[in-house]
Amino acid sequence: MSNTITVEGEGIDEFTISYNDVLVDLDKPVTVICNGAENVDLIPRNLKVTLDMVYFARSDPGKVFVANKSYHLPPPTSK
């Protein structure tokens, strides 16, 4: 598992990723590359976030998320 998520896009300024231990290893730093800009964070599990996501139907029985983080999406770089 590389613990890296790459996001490429345009037309939005910010987005949120919901995390669980199936997607990435939350015991290690997670790298999120947003249109080439690299963010490295240790994403802590959070019981309140987990319960809120279940309560507000943002999880399902097969995908319970334990953390989330918002990221800035810079404009795409020209190639």
C-alpha atoms as a PDB file:
ATOM      1  CA  MET A   1       0.000   0.000   0.000  1.00  0.00           C
ATOM      2  CA  SER A   2       1.541   3.301  -1.079  1.00  0.00           C
ATOM      3  CA  ASN A   3      -0.689   5.574   1.067  1.00  0.00           C
ATOM      4  CA  THR A   4      -0.885   8.034  -1.826  1.00  0.00           C
ATOM      5  CA  ILE A   5      -4.036   9.514  -3.328  1.00  0.00           C
ATOM      6  CA  THR A   6      -3.803  11.567  -6.526  1.00  0.00           C
ATOM      7  CA  VAL A   7      -6.557  14.052  -7.381  1.00  0.00           C
ATOM      8  CA  GLU A   8      -6.669  15.911 -10.681  1.00  0.00           C
ATOM      9  CA  GLY A   9      -9.457  18.263 -11.612  1.00  0.00           C
ATOM     10  CA  GLU A  10     -10.672  21.793 -12.107  1.00  0.00           C
ATOM     11  CA  GLY A  11     -13.706  23.930 -11.405  1.00  0.00           C
ATOM     12  CA  ILE A  12     -13.673  23.556  -7.616  1.00  0.00           C
ATOM     13  CA  ASP A  13     -11.505  25.153  -4.947  1.00  0.00           C
ATOM     14  CA  GLU A  14     -11.823  22.561  -2.190  1.00  0.00           C
ATOM     15  CA  PHE A  15     -12.793  18.923  -1.719  1.00  0.00           C
ATOM     16  CA  THR A  16     -13.034  16.493   1.193  1.00  0.00           C
ATOM     17  CA  ILE A  17     -11.758  12.923   1.369  1.00  0.00           C
ATOM     18  CA  SER A  18     -13.317  10.470   3.810  1.00  0.00           C
ATOM     19  CA  TYR A  19     -10.867   7.885   5.098  1.00  0.00           C
ATOM     20  CA  ASN A  20     -10.900   4.382   6.524  1.00  0.00           C
ATOM     21  CA  ASP A  21      -8.233   1.730   7.010  1.00  0.00           C
ATOM     22  CA  VAL A  22      -9.326  -0.140   3.882  1.00  0.00           C
ATOM     23  CA  LEU A  23      -8.425   2.845   1.676  1.00  0.00           C
ATOM     24  CA  VAL A  24      -5.114   3.767   3.324  1.00  0.00           C
ATOM     25  CA  ASP A  25      -3.053   2.761   6.361  1.00  0.00           C
ATOM     26  CA  LEU A  26      -4.027   5.440   8.883  1.00  0.00           C
ATOM     27  CA  ASP A  27      -1.139   4.444  11.153  1.00  0.00           C
ATOM     28  CA  LYS A  28       1.229   5.983   8.573  1.00  0.00           C
ATOM     29  CA  PRO A  29       1.345   9.407   6.894  1.00  0.00           C
ATOM     30  CA  VAL A  30      -0.995   9.810   3.916  1.00  0.00           C
ATOM     31  CA  THR A  31       0.141  11.688   0.804  1.00  0.00           C
ATOM     32  CA  VAL A  32      -2.541  13.497  -1.212  1.00  0.00           C
ATOM     33  CA  ILE A  33      -1.378  15.020  -4.497  1.00  0.00           C
ATOM     34  CA  CYS A  34      -3.766  17.758  -5.680  1.00  0.00           C
ATOM     35  CA  ASN A  35      -3.018  18.816  -9.274  1.00  0.00           C
ATOM     36  CA  GLY A  36       0.668  18.267  -8.535  1.00  0.00           C
ATOM     37  CA  ALA A  37       0.703  19.934  -5.087  1.00  0.00           C
ATOM     38  CA  GLU A  38       1.731  17.414  -2.445  1.00  0.00           C
ATOM     39  CA  ASN A  39       0.162  17.264   1.043  1.00  0.00           C
ATOM     40  CA  VAL A  40       1.493  14.818   3.627  1.00  0.00           C
ATOM     41  CA  ASP A  41      -0.525  14.353   6.808  1.00  0.00           C
ATOM     42  CA  LEU A  42      -1.017  11.868   9.583  1.00  0.00           C
ATOM     43  CA  ILE A  43      -4.810  11.433   9.587  1.00  0.00           C
ATOM     44  CA  PRO A  44      -6.105  10.591  13.090  1.00  0.00           C
ATOM     45  CA  ARG A  45      -9.133   8.374  13.505  1.00  0.00           C
ATOM     46  CA  ASN A  46     -11.942  10.313  15.143  1.00  0.00           C
ATOM     47  CA  LEU A  47     -14.900   8.710  16.914  1.00  0.00           C
ATOM     48  CA  LYS A  48     -17.070  11.832  16.628  1.00  0.00           C
ATOM     49  CA  VAL A  49     -16.491  12.014  12.861  1.00  0.00           C
ATOM     50  CA  THR A  50     -17.295   8.305  12.563  1.00  0.00           C
ATOM     51  CA  LEU A  51     -20.543   8.604  14.517  1.00  0.00           C
ATOM     52  CA  ASP A  52     -21.573  11.771  12.635  1.00  0.00           C
ATOM     53  CA  MET A  53     -20.964  10.105   9.284  1.00  0.00           C
ATOM     54  CA  VAL A  54     -23.049   7.074  10.296  1.00  0.00           C
ATOM     55  CA  TYR A  55     -25.826   9.250  11.767  1.00  0.00           C
ATOM     56  CA  PHE A  56     -26.038  11.514   8.718  1.00  0.00           C
ATOM     57  CA  ALA A  57     -25.903   8.513   6.315  1.00  0.00           C
ATOM     58  CA  ARG A  58     -22.479   9.341   4.885  1.00  0.00           C
ATOM     59  CA  SER A  59     -21.305   5.768   5.447  1.00  0.00           C
ATOM     60  CA  ASP A  60     -22.831   2.418   4.663  1.00  0.00           C
ATOM     61  CA  PRO A  61     -22.325  -0.972   6.316  1.00  0.00           C
ATOM     62  CA  GLY A  62     -19.481  -1.828   3.935  1.00  0.00           C
ATOM     63  CA  LYS A  63     -17.756   1.553   4.103  1.00  0.00           C
ATOM     64  CA  VAL A  64     -17.537   3.065   7.560  1.00  0.00           C
ATOM     65  CA  PHE A  65     -15.270   6.098   7.466  1.00  0.00           C
ATOM     66  CA  VAL A  66     -13.290   7.072  10.559  1.00  0.00           C
ATOM     67  CA  ALA A  67     -11.776  10.393   9.482  1.00  0.00           C
ATOM     68  CA  ASN A  68     -12.016  13.085   6.851  1.00  0.00           C
ATOM     69  CA  LYS A  69      -9.899  15.987   5.673  1.00  0.00           C
ATOM     70  CA  SER A  70     -10.519  18.880   3.297  1.00  0.00           C
ATOM     71  CA  TYR A  71      -7.933  19.904   0.712  1.00  0.00           C
ATOM     72  CA  HIS A  72      -7.428  22.931  -1.538  1.00  0.00           C
ATOM     73  CA  LEU A  73      -7.406  22.064  -5.251  1.00  0.00           C
ATOM     74  CA  PRO A  74      -5.068  24.471  -7.053  1.00  0.00           C
ATOM     75  CA  PRO A  75      -5.594  25.158 -10.754  1.00  0.00           C
ATOM     76  CA  PRO A  76      -4.123  22.442 -12.992  1.00  0.00           C
ATOM     77  CA  THR A  77      -0.598  23.042 -14.197  1.00  0.00           C
ATOM     78  CA  SER A  78      -0.199  23.338 -17.966  1.00  0.00           C
ATOM     79  CA  LYS A  79       1.856  20.654 -19.631  1.00  0.00           C
END
